[in-house]
Each structure stands twice: as structure tokens, then as C-alpha cells.
N, C-alpha and C. Protein backbone atom coordinates (compact mmCIF):
# COMPACT_ATOMS: atom_id res chain seq x y z
N MET A 1 1.02 -1.19 -0.08
CA MET A 1 -0.32 0.03 -0.07
C MET A 1 0.93 1.10 0.15
N LYS A 2 0.53 2.47 -0.77
CA LYS A 2 1.30 3.17 -1.13
C LYS A 2 1.33 4.46 0.14
N LYS A 3 2.07 5.03 0.43
CA LYS A 3 1.57 5.99 1.51
C LYS A 3 1.25 7.53 0.86
N PHE A 4 0.57 7.81 1.43
CA PHE A 4 -0.07 9.47 1.11
C PHE A 4 0.69 10.42 0.30
N THR A 5 1.88 10.28 0.68
CA THR A 5 2.89 11.46 0.08
C THR A 5 3.47 10.46 -1.31
N GLU A 6 2.98 9.58 -1.47
CA GLU A 6 3.80 9.02 -2.83
C GLU A 6 2.65 8.83 -4.00
N THR A 7 1.41 9.56 -3.61
CA THR A 7 0.25 9.29 -4.67
C THR A 7 0.31 10.33 -5.34
N LEU A 8 -0.17 10.35 -6.82
CA LEU A 8 -0.26 11.15 -7.57
C LEU A 8 -0.86 12.35 -7.21
N PHE A 9 -1.93 12.31 -6.37
CA PHE A 9 -2.65 13.31 -5.80
C PHE A 9 -1.88 14.19 -5.11
N TRP A 10 -0.87 14.13 -4.06
CA TRP A 10 -0.21 14.56 -3.54
C TRP A 10 0.84 15.22 -4.17
N LYS A 11 1.33 14.48 -5.47
CA LYS A 11 2.47 15.06 -6.37
C LYS A 11 2.06 15.93 -7.01
N ILE A 12 0.73 16.16 -7.51
CA ILE A 12 0.23 17.23 -7.88
C ILE A 12 -0.23 18.77 -7.48
N ILE A 13 -0.41 18.42 -5.89
CA ILE A 13 -0.81 19.28 -4.92
C ILE A 13 0.52 19.74 -4.73
N LYS A 14 1.73 19.05 -4.41
CA LYS A 14 3.32 19.60 -4.08
C LYS A 14 3.52 20.38 -5.20
N ASN A 15 3.19 20.14 -6.60
CA ASN A 15 3.75 20.94 -7.93
C ASN A 15 3.61 22.22 -7.68
N LYS A 16 4.83 23.04 -7.50
CA LYS A 16 4.90 24.47 -7.75
C LYS A 16 4.06 25.29 -8.56
N TYR A 17 3.77 24.86 -9.74
CA TYR A 17 2.77 25.14 -10.88
C TYR A 17 1.53 25.57 -10.24
N PHE A 18 1.14 24.02 -9.98
CA PHE A 18 -0.24 23.96 -9.09
C PHE A 18 -0.15 24.82 -7.96
N ILE A 19 0.27 25.09 -7.03
CA ILE A 19 0.38 26.12 -5.90
C ILE A 19 -0.03 27.44 -6.44
N VAL A 20 0.95 27.92 -7.67
CA VAL A 20 1.08 29.22 -7.80
C VAL A 20 -0.24 29.76 -8.75
N VAL A 21 -1.04 28.32 -9.44
CA VAL A 21 -2.04 28.65 -10.13
C VAL A 21 -3.68 28.66 -8.98
N PHE A 22 -3.30 27.73 -8.06
CA PHE A 22 -4.11 27.73 -7.06
C PHE A 22 -4.46 29.26 -6.25
N VAL A 23 -3.30 29.62 -5.81
CA VAL A 23 -3.22 30.88 -5.26
C VAL A 23 -3.81 31.86 -6.20
N PHE A 24 -3.58 32.12 -7.40
CA PHE A 24 -4.12 33.17 -8.35
C PHE A 24 -5.35 33.06 -8.29
N LEU A 25 -5.88 31.77 -8.70
CA LEU A 25 -7.49 31.87 -8.77
C LEU A 25 -8.46 31.94 -7.14
N LEU A 26 -7.67 31.42 -6.39
CA LEU A 26 -8.06 31.97 -5.18
C LEU A 26 -8.29 33.98 -5.00
N ILE A 27 -7.37 34.08 -5.45
CA ILE A 27 -7.22 35.57 -5.24
C ILE A 27 -8.23 36.25 -6.22
N ILE A 28 -7.92 35.99 -7.54
CA ILE A 28 -9.23 36.31 -8.47
C ILE A 28 -10.38 36.08 -7.89
N VAL A 29 -10.87 35.05 -7.59
CA VAL A 29 -12.29 34.50 -7.25
C VAL A 29 -12.26 35.34 -5.75
N ALA A 30 -12.03 35.44 -5.29
CA ALA A 30 -12.41 35.60 -4.02
C ALA A 30 -11.64 36.76 -3.01
N LEU A 31 -10.34 37.04 -2.94
CA LEU A 31 -9.82 38.01 -2.08
C LEU A 31 -9.52 39.47 -2.51
N ASP A 32 -9.39 39.47 -4.18
CA ASP A 32 -9.11 40.84 -4.59
C ASP A 32 -10.47 41.80 -4.08
N GLU A 33 -10.25 42.81 -4.32
CA GLU A 33 -11.53 44.06 -3.98
C GLU A 33 -12.29 43.76 -5.38
N ASN A 34 -11.44 43.52 -6.36
CA ASN A 34 -12.33 43.53 -7.70
C ASN A 34 -12.41 42.19 -8.21
N ASN A 35 -12.70 41.16 -7.21
CA ASN A 35 -13.02 39.63 -7.39
C ASN A 35 -14.64 39.46 -8.21
N LEU A 36 -14.27 38.27 -8.83
CA LEU A 36 -15.32 37.67 -9.46
C LEU A 36 -16.77 37.80 -9.12
N LEU A 37 -16.64 37.74 -7.65
CA LEU A 37 -18.47 37.87 -6.91
C LEU A 37 -18.68 39.52 -7.28
N VAL A 38 -17.75 40.49 -7.03
CA VAL A 38 -18.34 41.78 -7.06
C VAL A 38 -18.48 42.00 -8.44
N ILE A 39 -17.80 41.68 -9.39
CA ILE A 39 -17.91 41.91 -10.79
C ILE A 39 -19.52 41.19 -11.38
N ARG A 40 -20.02 40.03 -11.07
CA ARG A 40 -21.15 39.79 -11.25
C ARG A 40 -22.05 40.52 -10.71
N SER A 41 -21.89 41.02 -9.48
CA SER A 41 -22.82 41.41 -8.70
C SER A 41 -23.13 43.32 -9.42
N LEU A 42 -21.97 43.63 -10.10
CA LEU A 42 -21.82 45.00 -10.39
C LEU A 42 -22.77 44.72 -12.01
N HIS A 43 -22.57 43.97 -12.71
CA HIS A 43 -23.33 43.31 -13.81
C HIS A 43 -24.66 43.24 -13.76
N LYS A 44 -25.02 42.72 -12.70
CA LYS A 44 -26.36 42.56 -12.32
C LYS A 44 -27.10 43.90 -12.03
N ASP A 45 -26.18 44.79 -11.21
CA ASP A 45 -26.95 45.94 -11.25
C ASP A 45 -27.34 47.00 -12.53
N VAL A 46 -25.85 46.63 -13.13
CA VAL A 46 -26.02 47.13 -14.43
C VAL A 46 -26.90 46.82 -15.29
N GLU A 47 -27.35 45.59 -15.75
CA GLU A 47 -28.45 45.13 -16.26
C GLU A 47 -29.72 45.72 -15.74
N GLN A 48 -30.20 45.64 -14.32
CA GLN A 48 -31.26 46.27 -13.82
C GLN A 48 -31.54 48.06 -14.21
N LEU A 49 -30.26 48.79 -14.07
CA LEU A 49 -30.46 49.97 -14.76
C LEU A 49 -30.64 50.66 -16.06
N GLU A 50 -30.26 49.14 -16.75
CA GLU A 50 -30.52 49.47 -18.33
C GLU A 50 -31.78 49.29 -18.27
N TYR A 51 -32.33 48.33 -17.91
CA TYR A 51 -33.64 48.16 -18.09
C TYR A 51 -34.65 49.23 -17.47
N ALA A 52 -34.33 49.86 -16.18
CA ALA A 52 -34.75 51.24 -15.95
C ALA A 52 -34.92 52.23 -16.94
N ILE A 53 -33.55 52.11 -17.55
CA ILE A 53 -33.47 52.97 -18.48
C ILE A 53 -34.25 53.06 -19.66
N ASP A 54 -34.71 51.80 -20.28
CA ASP A 54 -35.46 51.46 -21.01
C ASP A 54 -36.86 51.93 -20.88
N THR A 55 -37.21 51.46 -19.56
CA THR A 55 -38.48 51.70 -19.06
C THR A 55 -39.11 53.39 -19.26
N MET A 56 -37.85 54.08 -18.64
CA MET A 56 -37.65 55.74 -18.61
C MET A 56 -38.18 56.22 -20.20
N HIS A 57 -37.55 55.77 -20.72
CA HIS A 57 -37.31 56.08 -22.41
C HIS A 57 -38.66 55.84 -23.20
N GLN A 58 -39.10 54.44 -22.57
CA GLN A 58 -40.72 54.30 -23.12
C GLN A 58 -41.89 55.27 -22.77
N GLY A 59 -41.72 55.47 -21.37
CA GLY A 59 -42.29 56.73 -20.62
C GLY A 59 -42.45 57.68 -21.17
N ILE A 60 -41.10 58.30 -21.39
CA ILE A 60 -40.77 59.59 -22.33
C ILE A 60 -41.80 59.94 -23.56
N ARG A 61 -41.37 58.39 -24.55
CA ARG A 61 -41.98 58.41 -25.51
C ARG A 61 -43.83 58.97 -25.55
N GLN A 62 -44.24 57.98 -24.53
CA GLN A 62 -45.64 57.79 -24.35
C GLN A 62 -46.04 59.30 -24.06
N ASP A 63 -45.59 59.94 -22.96
CA ASP A 63 -45.71 61.89 -22.85
C ASP A 63 -45.59 62.64 -23.91
N SER A 64 -44.70 62.28 -24.71
CA SER A 64 -44.45 62.95 -25.73
C SER A 64 -45.50 63.05 -26.83
N LEU A 65 -45.65 61.92 -26.79
CA LEU A 65 -47.06 61.83 -27.87
C LEU A 65 -48.55 62.25 -27.03
N GLN A 66 -48.73 61.81 -26.00
CA GLN A 66 -49.57 62.56 -25.37
C GLN A 66 -49.59 64.21 -25.60
N ALA A 67 -48.37 65.11 -24.94
CA ALA A 67 -48.48 66.13 -24.94
C ALA A 67 -48.55 66.71 -26.54
N GLU A 68 -48.03 65.94 -27.49
CA GLU A 68 -48.30 66.40 -29.03
C GLU A 68 -49.95 66.53 -29.27
N ARG A 69 -50.75 65.11 -28.59
CA ARG A 69 -51.94 65.06 -28.89
C ARG A 69 -52.83 66.04 -27.91
N LEU A 70 -52.45 66.76 -26.75
CA LEU A 70 -53.01 67.72 -25.91
C LEU A 70 -52.85 69.03 -26.59
N MET A 71 -51.65 69.42 -27.39
CA MET A 71 -51.73 70.47 -28.05
C MET A 71 -52.18 70.92 -29.42
N TYR A 72 -52.94 70.04 -29.98
CA TYR A 72 -53.43 70.03 -30.96
C TYR A 72 -54.95 69.76 -31.10
N ASN A 73 -55.31 68.79 -30.46
CA ASN A 73 -56.58 68.36 -30.55
C ASN A 73 -57.75 68.75 -29.07
N LEU A 74 -58.79 69.59 -29.56
CA LEU A 74 -59.40 70.22 -28.01
C LEU A 74 -60.06 68.94 -27.71
N ASP A 75 -60.72 67.64 -28.63
CA ASP A 75 -61.53 66.79 -27.77
C ASP A 75 -60.46 66.10 -27.20
N THR A 76 -59.16 65.90 -27.31
CA THR A 76 -58.40 65.36 -26.15
C THR A 76 -58.01 65.87 -25.03
N ILE A 77 -57.82 67.39 -25.29
CA ILE A 77 -57.74 68.02 -24.19
C ILE A 77 -58.88 67.95 -22.97
N GLU A 78 -60.12 67.90 -23.55
CA GLU A 78 -61.35 67.68 -22.87
C GLU A 78 -61.42 66.45 -22.09
N ARG A 79 -60.96 65.58 -23.03
CA ARG A 79 -61.24 64.06 -22.01
C ARG A 79 -60.06 64.11 -21.30
N TYR A 80 -58.85 64.53 -21.62
CA TYR A 80 -57.44 64.70 -20.11
C TYR A 80 -58.28 65.43 -19.21
N GLY A 81 -58.70 66.64 -19.16
CA GLY A 81 -59.01 67.28 -17.84
C GLY A 81 -60.52 66.62 -17.21
N ARG A 82 -61.17 65.52 -18.26
CA ARG A 82 -62.25 64.99 -17.54
C ARG A 82 -61.89 64.03 -16.49
N GLU A 83 -60.82 62.94 -17.19
CA GLU A 83 -60.39 62.14 -16.63
C GLU A 83 -59.10 62.13 -15.42
N ASN A 84 -58.58 63.01 -15.50
CA ASN A 84 -57.40 63.55 -14.58
C ASN A 84 -57.81 64.48 -13.52
N TYR A 85 -58.83 65.48 -13.62
CA TYR A 85 -59.08 66.52 -12.76
C TYR A 85 -60.61 66.45 -12.32
N TYR A 86 -61.19 65.42 -12.97
CA TYR A 86 -62.54 65.82 -12.93
C TYR A 86 -63.38 66.86 -12.97
N MET A 87 -62.84 67.27 -14.01
CA MET A 87 -63.94 68.68 -14.42
C MET A 87 -64.85 68.40 -15.18
N LYS A 88 -66.10 69.08 -15.34
CA LYS A 88 -67.24 68.89 -15.98
C LYS A 88 -67.65 70.66 -16.62
N ARG A 89 -68.74 69.64 -17.30
CA ARG A 89 -69.46 70.53 -18.07
C ARG A 89 -70.28 71.19 -17.11
N LYS A 90 -71.27 72.79 -17.37
CA LYS A 90 -72.40 73.28 -16.40
C LYS A 90 -73.63 71.92 -16.62
N ASN A 91 -74.14 72.21 -15.20
CA ASN A 91 -75.31 71.02 -15.44
C ASN A 91 -74.82 69.67 -15.52
N GLU A 92 -73.73 69.55 -15.17
CA GLU A 92 -73.43 67.81 -15.14
C GLU A 92 -72.76 67.49 -13.77
N ASP A 93 -73.13 66.07 -13.55
CA ASP A 93 -72.49 65.58 -12.33
C ASP A 93 -71.66 64.33 -12.67
N VAL A 94 -70.41 64.74 -11.66
CA VAL A 94 -69.47 63.64 -11.96
C VAL A 94 -69.30 62.86 -10.77
N PHE A 95 -69.51 61.64 -11.32
CA PHE A 95 -69.29 60.56 -10.00
C PHE A 95 -67.98 59.73 -10.15
N VAL A 96 -66.96 59.64 -8.86
CA VAL A 96 -65.90 59.05 -9.25
C VAL A 96 -65.94 57.70 -8.57
N VAL A 97 -65.48 56.71 -9.04
CA VAL A 97 -65.61 55.58 -8.74
C VAL A 97 -64.32 54.81 -8.57
N VAL A 98 -63.99 54.17 -7.04
CA VAL A 98 -62.77 54.35 -6.39
C VAL A 98 -62.86 52.35 -6.50
N GLU A 99 -61.92 51.98 -7.05
CA GLU A 99 -61.95 50.52 -6.81
C GLU A 99 -61.23 49.82 -5.56
N GLU A 100 -61.54 49.31 -4.57
CA GLU A 100 -60.89 48.91 -3.15
C GLU A 100 -60.22 47.63 -3.77
N GLU A 101 -58.94 47.43 -3.18
CA GLU A 101 -57.94 46.55 -3.21
C GLU A 101 -58.50 45.25 -2.45
N GLU A 102 -58.28 44.06 -2.76
CA GLU A 102 -58.78 42.83 -1.93
C GLU A 102 -57.63 42.35 -1.44
N GLU A 103 -57.96 41.88 -0.09
CA GLU A 103 -56.61 41.70 0.63
C GLU A 103 -56.51 39.97 0.39
């Protein structure tokens, strides 16, 4: 029976190149301030921010279209005022219906 110090596993671990590569990988993966875990977290944050930017751009496009419609169309202005500011014509009643959230 071979001793542990004579096995192939021990010879590989004892190899100086293996030790250097192992220490290098350990530093890169976990110990450095710019390690892979931090980089992965930062990439995730960047993806979330890019999604937020896309959402904001969509909102800007929709608001620009709405502003253009409000600028030139009197019916749209009237509808917008009625829906958002509860404006009414003379001799007209406005009923506001609020839906309650179910728990």
C-alpha cells in the first residue's frame, strides 16, 4: 500500500505550478477587491439600470405623444381634463368610482 505522500494526488498538489495557479485563482475569485463575485454583482446592477433606462425612455415617448395630442386636439384636451382633474360641464354631475383592493 502506498503512502499518502507517494500518491499522484499529493504529487500534483505539491507541484509549484499548481500552487501558484491555485493561489492566483483564489485571489481572483474571492480575495481581491475586484473579485469575480463583485464583478458579477455589478453586472447584475448594470442590467437592472439598463432596464430602468429603457422603461424611462418608453415613458418619455408616451408622454411626448400625449403632449402632442393635447397641443392640437381640443377633444383630447377635454377628455384629459375630465379623466385626470374631474372637470365637468355646466349642469353635469361627475361620479368618481374607486375600486378597493382585495386582501
